[in-house]
Amino acid sequence: MPNIFKFPNKKNRFTLLVQPHLSALFKYAWKLTGNRDDAEDLLQTVLCRLYPKTSELEQKSELQPWLYKVLHNAYIDELRYRNRRPDFAGHASEAPELIADCPLPLN
């Protein structure tokens, strides 16, 4: 694994940590949600939540299993949110403070 500390920029470090796992995480999100749009929303929500915690991610020895657990927990949170509000037609990821600080897309 490349030395992530060579990159002083938080966005670069985050991208380097998460990019190798994006494809697998997206497939898992799609499996959980059952459609592409919801999978993209779920993954973006998770990544935006994790971005401010880049320094914590750097200290995880086994990052991929932990990312799967975070994604799964975010999916459960979304289900709980929708069950509490059955008339909800939007997405739970509409928190502007998270979106504004998110480095996506990671292409």
N, C-alpha and C. Protein backbone atom coordinates (compact mmCIF):
# COMPACT_ATOMS: atom_id res chain seq x y z
N MET A 1 0.84 -1.18 0.00
CA MET A 1 0.00 0.00 0.00
C MET A 1 0.89 1.24 0.00
N PRO A 2 0.56 2.22 -0.85
CA PRO A 2 1.38 3.44 -0.89
C PRO A 2 1.33 4.18 0.45
N ASN A 3 2.35 4.95 0.70
CA ASN A 3 2.41 5.73 1.92
C ASN A 3 1.45 6.92 1.81
N ILE A 4 0.36 6.87 2.54
CA ILE A 4 -0.67 7.92 2.44
C ILE A 4 -0.23 9.21 3.11
N PHE A 5 0.79 9.15 3.93
CA PHE A 5 1.23 10.35 4.62
C PHE A 5 2.04 11.27 3.71
N LYS A 6 2.39 10.82 2.51
CA LYS A 6 3.06 11.68 1.55
C LYS A 6 2.09 12.74 1.02
N PHE A 7 0.80 12.50 1.15
CA PHE A 7 -0.21 13.40 0.61
C PHE A 7 -0.76 14.26 1.75
N PRO A 8 -0.35 15.51 1.82
CA PRO A 8 -0.82 16.36 2.92
C PRO A 8 -2.30 16.72 2.80
N ASN A 9 -2.83 16.65 1.61
CA ASN A 9 -4.21 17.04 1.36
C ASN A 9 -5.16 15.95 1.84
N LYS A 10 -6.14 16.32 2.66
CA LYS A 10 -7.10 15.36 3.20
C LYS A 10 -7.87 14.65 2.10
N LYS A 11 -8.26 15.36 1.05
CA LYS A 11 -9.01 14.76 -0.06
C LYS A 11 -8.18 13.67 -0.73
N ASN A 12 -6.89 13.92 -0.94
CA ASN A 12 -6.04 12.92 -1.58
C ASN A 12 -5.90 11.68 -0.70
N ARG A 13 -5.73 11.89 0.61
CA ARG A 13 -5.60 10.74 1.51
C ARG A 13 -6.89 9.93 1.54
N PHE A 14 -8.02 10.61 1.60
CA PHE A 14 -9.31 9.92 1.62
C PHE A 14 -9.51 9.11 0.33
N THR A 15 -9.22 9.73 -0.79
CA THR A 15 -9.36 9.05 -2.09
C THR A 15 -8.48 7.82 -2.15
N LEU A 16 -7.26 7.95 -1.71
CA LEU A 16 -6.32 6.84 -1.74
C LEU A 16 -6.79 5.68 -0.86
N LEU A 17 -7.39 6.01 0.26
CA LEU A 17 -7.88 4.98 1.18
C LEU A 17 -9.12 4.26 0.65
N VAL A 18 -10.05 5.02 0.07
CA VAL A 18 -11.38 4.49 -0.25
C VAL A 18 -11.50 3.99 -1.69
N GLN A 19 -10.79 4.59 -2.61
CA GLN A 19 -10.92 4.27 -4.04
C GLN A 19 -10.83 2.77 -4.34
N PRO A 20 -9.88 2.03 -3.75
CA PRO A 20 -9.78 0.60 -4.07
C PRO A 20 -11.02 -0.21 -3.67
N HIS A 21 -11.84 0.33 -2.79
CA HIS A 21 -12.99 -0.41 -2.27
C HIS A 21 -14.32 0.02 -2.89
N LEU A 22 -14.31 1.06 -3.70
CA LEU A 22 -15.57 1.64 -4.19
C LEU A 22 -16.42 0.66 -4.99
N SER A 23 -15.81 -0.07 -5.89
CA SER A 23 -16.57 -0.99 -6.74
C SER A 23 -17.27 -2.06 -5.90
N ALA A 24 -16.55 -2.66 -4.99
CA ALA A 24 -17.14 -3.70 -4.14
C ALA A 24 -18.22 -3.12 -3.22
N LEU A 25 -17.97 -1.93 -2.69
CA LEU A 25 -18.97 -1.29 -1.83
C LEU A 25 -20.24 -0.95 -2.61
N PHE A 26 -20.06 -0.49 -3.85
CA PHE A 26 -21.23 -0.17 -4.67
C PHE A 26 -22.05 -1.43 -4.96
N LYS A 27 -21.38 -2.52 -5.29
CA LYS A 27 -22.09 -3.77 -5.55
C LYS A 27 -22.88 -4.23 -4.33
N TYR A 28 -22.26 -4.07 -3.17
CA TYR A 28 -22.94 -4.46 -1.93
C TYR A 28 -24.13 -3.54 -1.66
N ALA A 29 -23.95 -2.25 -1.88
CA ALA A 29 -25.05 -1.30 -1.69
C ALA A 29 -26.20 -1.62 -2.65
N TRP A 30 -25.88 -1.99 -3.87
CA TRP A 30 -26.91 -2.33 -4.86
C TRP A 30 -27.65 -3.59 -4.41
N LYS A 31 -26.91 -4.56 -3.89
CA LYS A 31 -27.53 -5.79 -3.40
C LYS A 31 -28.49 -5.48 -2.25
N LEU A 32 -28.08 -4.58 -1.36
CA LEU A 32 -28.93 -4.22 -0.23
C LEU A 32 -30.19 -3.47 -0.67
N THR A 33 -30.03 -2.48 -1.54
CA THR A 33 -31.13 -1.60 -1.90
C THR A 33 -32.01 -2.13 -3.02
N GLY A 34 -31.42 -2.91 -3.91
CA GLY A 34 -32.19 -3.47 -5.01
C GLY A 34 -32.25 -2.60 -6.25
N ASN A 35 -31.69 -1.39 -6.21
CA ASN A 35 -31.63 -0.59 -7.44
C ASN A 35 -30.43 0.34 -7.41
N ARG A 36 -30.04 0.74 -8.59
CA ARG A 36 -28.82 1.53 -8.78
C ARG A 36 -28.88 2.90 -8.11
N ASP A 37 -29.98 3.62 -8.28
CA ASP A 37 -30.08 4.97 -7.74
C ASP A 37 -29.97 4.99 -6.22
N ASP A 38 -30.69 4.09 -5.57
CA ASP A 38 -30.63 4.03 -4.11
C ASP A 38 -29.24 3.58 -3.65
N ALA A 39 -28.61 2.69 -4.41
CA ALA A 39 -27.26 2.24 -4.07
C ALA A 39 -26.28 3.41 -4.15
N GLU A 40 -26.40 4.22 -5.20
CA GLU A 40 -25.53 5.39 -5.34
C GLU A 40 -25.75 6.37 -4.18
N ASP A 41 -27.00 6.61 -3.84
CA ASP A 41 -27.32 7.52 -2.73
C ASP A 41 -26.76 7.00 -1.41
N LEU A 42 -26.93 5.72 -1.17
CA LEU A 42 -26.45 5.12 0.06
C LEU A 42 -24.93 5.21 0.16
N LEU A 43 -24.25 4.88 -0.92
CA LEU A 43 -22.79 4.93 -0.92
C LEU A 43 -22.30 6.36 -0.74
N GLN A 44 -22.93 7.30 -1.40
CA GLN A 44 -22.52 8.69 -1.25
C GLN A 44 -22.74 9.17 0.18
N THR A 45 -23.84 8.79 0.78
CA THR A 45 -24.11 9.16 2.17
C THR A 45 -23.01 8.62 3.08
N VAL A 46 -22.65 7.37 2.88
CA VAL A 46 -21.61 6.75 3.71
C VAL A 46 -20.27 7.46 3.52
N LEU A 47 -19.90 7.72 2.28
CA LEU A 47 -18.62 8.36 2.02
C LEU A 47 -18.58 9.77 2.58
N CYS A 48 -19.69 10.47 2.51
CA CYS A 48 -19.74 11.82 3.06
C CYS A 48 -19.66 11.81 4.59
N ARG A 49 -20.19 10.78 5.19
CA ARG A 49 -20.07 10.65 6.66
C ARG A 49 -18.64 10.31 7.06
N LEU A 50 -17.97 9.53 6.22
CA LEU A 50 -16.62 9.09 6.55
C LEU A 50 -15.55 10.14 6.25
N TYR A 51 -15.79 11.02 5.30
CA TYR A 51 -14.77 11.98 4.89
C TYR A 51 -14.21 12.79 6.05
N PRO A 52 -15.04 13.32 6.94
CA PRO A 52 -14.47 14.08 8.06
C PRO A 52 -13.63 13.21 9.01
N LYS A 53 -13.74 11.92 8.89
CA LYS A 53 -13.03 10.99 9.78
C LYS A 53 -11.85 10.33 9.07
N THR A 54 -11.25 11.01 8.12
CA THR A 54 -10.16 10.45 7.34
C THR A 54 -9.02 9.95 8.23
N SER A 55 -8.68 10.70 9.24
CA SER A 55 -7.56 10.28 10.10
C SER A 55 -7.88 8.98 10.83
N GLU A 56 -9.16 8.76 11.17
CA GLU A 56 -9.55 7.49 11.80
C GLU A 56 -9.45 6.34 10.80
N LEU A 57 -9.80 6.60 9.55
CA LEU A 57 -9.72 5.56 8.51
C LEU A 57 -8.28 5.11 8.32
N GLU A 58 -7.36 6.06 8.41
CA GLU A 58 -5.95 5.74 8.19
C GLU A 58 -5.42 4.78 9.24
N GLN A 59 -6.05 4.73 10.39
CA GLN A 59 -5.57 3.89 11.48
C GLN A 59 -6.22 2.51 11.51
N LYS A 60 -7.18 2.26 10.62
CA LYS A 60 -7.82 0.94 10.57
C LYS A 60 -6.89 -0.04 9.86
N SER A 61 -6.61 -1.16 10.51
CA SER A 61 -5.74 -2.15 9.88
C SER A 61 -6.51 -2.95 8.83
N GLU A 62 -7.75 -3.24 9.09
CA GLU A 62 -8.60 -3.97 8.14
C GLU A 62 -9.72 -3.03 7.71
N LEU A 63 -9.48 -2.24 6.70
CA LEU A 63 -10.41 -1.19 6.30
C LEU A 63 -11.65 -1.73 5.60
N GLN A 64 -11.51 -2.68 4.68
CA GLN A 64 -12.65 -3.13 3.89
C GLN A 64 -13.78 -3.72 4.73
N PRO A 65 -13.52 -4.64 5.65
CA PRO A 65 -14.64 -5.15 6.47
C PRO A 65 -15.33 -4.04 7.26
N TRP A 66 -14.55 -3.10 7.75
CA TRP A 66 -15.12 -1.99 8.50
C TRP A 66 -15.99 -1.13 7.60
N LEU A 67 -15.56 -0.88 6.35
CA LEU A 67 -16.37 -0.10 5.40
C LEU A 67 -17.69 -0.81 5.10
N TYR A 68 -17.65 -2.12 4.93
CA TYR A 68 -18.88 -2.90 4.71
C TYR A 68 -19.84 -2.75 5.89
N LYS A 69 -19.30 -2.79 7.10
CA LYS A 69 -20.14 -2.66 8.29
C LYS A 69 -20.77 -1.26 8.37
N VAL A 70 -20.01 -0.25 8.05
CA VAL A 70 -20.53 1.12 8.04
C VAL A 70 -21.64 1.25 7.00
N LEU A 71 -21.41 0.68 5.82
CA LEU A 71 -22.42 0.73 4.75
C LEU A 71 -23.69 -0.01 5.18
N HIS A 72 -23.53 -1.17 5.76
CA HIS A 72 -24.67 -1.95 6.20
C HIS A 72 -25.46 -1.20 7.28
N ASN A 73 -24.75 -0.61 8.22
CA ASN A 73 -25.42 0.15 9.28
C ASN A 73 -26.15 1.37 8.72
N ALA A 74 -25.58 2.02 7.72
CA ALA A 74 -26.25 3.16 7.09
C ALA A 74 -27.52 2.70 6.39
N TYR A 75 -27.49 1.52 5.79
CA TYR A 75 -28.68 0.97 5.14
C TYR A 75 -29.77 0.70 6.18
N ILE A 76 -29.39 0.12 7.30
CA ILE A 76 -30.36 -0.14 8.38
C ILE A 76 -30.95 1.18 8.88
N ASP A 77 -30.10 2.19 9.04
CA ASP A 77 -30.59 3.51 9.46
C ASP A 77 -31.61 4.06 8.47
N GLU A 78 -31.32 3.90 7.19
CA GLU A 78 -32.24 4.38 6.14
C GLU A 78 -33.58 3.65 6.22
N LEU A 79 -33.54 2.34 6.43
CA LEU A 79 -34.78 1.57 6.56
C LEU A 79 -35.59 2.04 7.77
N ARG A 80 -34.92 2.25 8.88
CA ARG A 80 -35.61 2.72 10.08
C ARG A 80 -36.23 4.09 9.84
N TYR A 81 -35.50 4.95 9.17
CA TYR A 81 -36.01 6.29 8.88
C TYR A 81 -37.27 6.21 8.01
N ARG A 82 -37.19 5.38 6.99
CA ARG A 82 -38.35 5.25 6.09
C ARG A 82 -39.54 4.59 6.78
N ASN A 83 -39.29 3.68 7.68
CA ASN A 83 -40.39 3.03 8.40
C ASN A 83 -41.08 3.98 9.36
N ARG A 84 -40.34 4.93 9.89
CA ARG A 84 -40.94 5.93 10.77
C ARG A 84 -41.76 6.94 9.98
N ARG A 85 -41.39 7.14 8.72
CA ARG A 85 -42.09 8.11 7.88
C ARG A 85 -42.51 7.45 6.58
N PRO A 86 -43.58 6.68 6.58
CA PRO A 86 -43.98 5.94 5.37
C PRO A 86 -44.35 6.84 4.21
N ASP A 87 -44.67 8.09 4.46
CA ASP A 87 -45.01 9.00 3.38
C ASP A 87 -43.77 9.69 2.81
N PHE A 88 -42.58 9.35 3.31
CA PHE A 88 -41.35 9.99 2.88
C PHE A 88 -41.03 9.62 1.44
N ALA A 89 -40.88 10.62 0.58
CA ALA A 89 -40.61 10.37 -0.83
C ALA A 89 -39.20 10.73 -1.23
N GLY A 90 -38.44 11.38 -0.35
CA GLY A 90 -37.09 11.83 -0.67
C GLY A 90 -36.04 10.86 -0.20
N HIS A 91 -34.86 11.39 0.05
CA HIS A 91 -33.74 10.58 0.51
C HIS A 91 -33.24 11.13 1.83
N ALA A 92 -32.72 10.26 2.66
CA ALA A 92 -32.22 10.68 3.96
C ALA A 92 -30.88 11.39 3.86
N SER A 93 -30.28 11.39 2.69
CA SER A 93 -28.95 11.97 2.53
C SER A 93 -29.00 13.44 2.12
N GLU A 94 -30.00 14.17 2.55
CA GLU A 94 -30.15 15.55 2.14
C GLU A 94 -29.56 16.53 3.14
N ALA A 95 -28.61 16.09 3.93
CA ALA A 95 -27.99 16.97 4.92
C ALA A 95 -26.96 17.85 4.22
N PRO A 96 -27.23 19.14 4.03
CA PRO A 96 -26.33 20.00 3.26
C PRO A 96 -24.95 20.13 3.88
N GLU A 97 -24.83 20.05 5.21
CA GLU A 97 -23.52 20.17 5.82
C GLU A 97 -22.63 18.99 5.47
N LEU A 98 -23.20 17.80 5.26
CA LEU A 98 -22.42 16.64 4.83
C LEU A 98 -22.06 16.74 3.36
N ILE A 99 -23.01 17.12 2.54
CA ILE A 99 -22.79 17.21 1.10
C ILE A 99 -21.73 18.26 0.78
N ALA A 100 -21.76 19.39 1.47
CA ALA A 100 -20.83 20.47 1.20
C ALA A 100 -19.38 20.06 1.48
N ASP A 101 -19.16 19.18 2.44
CA ASP A 101 -17.82 18.78 2.83
C ASP A 101 -17.34 17.51 2.14
N CYS A 102 -18.17 16.96 1.28
CA CYS A 102 -17.86 15.68 0.65
C CYS A 102 -16.97 15.87 -0.58
N PRO A 103 -15.92 15.04 -0.74
CA PRO A 103 -14.99 15.20 -1.86
C PRO A 103 -15.44 14.50 -3.13
N LEU A 104 -16.62 13.92 -3.17
CA LEU A 104 -17.06 13.15 -4.33
C LEU A 104 -17.24 14.05 -5.54
N PRO A 105 -17.17 13.53 -6.73
CA PRO A 105 -16.91 12.12 -7.08
C PRO A 105 -15.42 11.77 -6.96
N LEU A 106 -15.18 10.50 -6.76
CA LEU A 106 -13.81 10.01 -6.57
C LEU A 106 -13.26 9.39 -7.85
N ASN A 107 -13.46 10.01 -8.95
CA ASN A 107 -12.98 9.47 -10.24
C ASN A 107 -11.57 9.90 -10.53
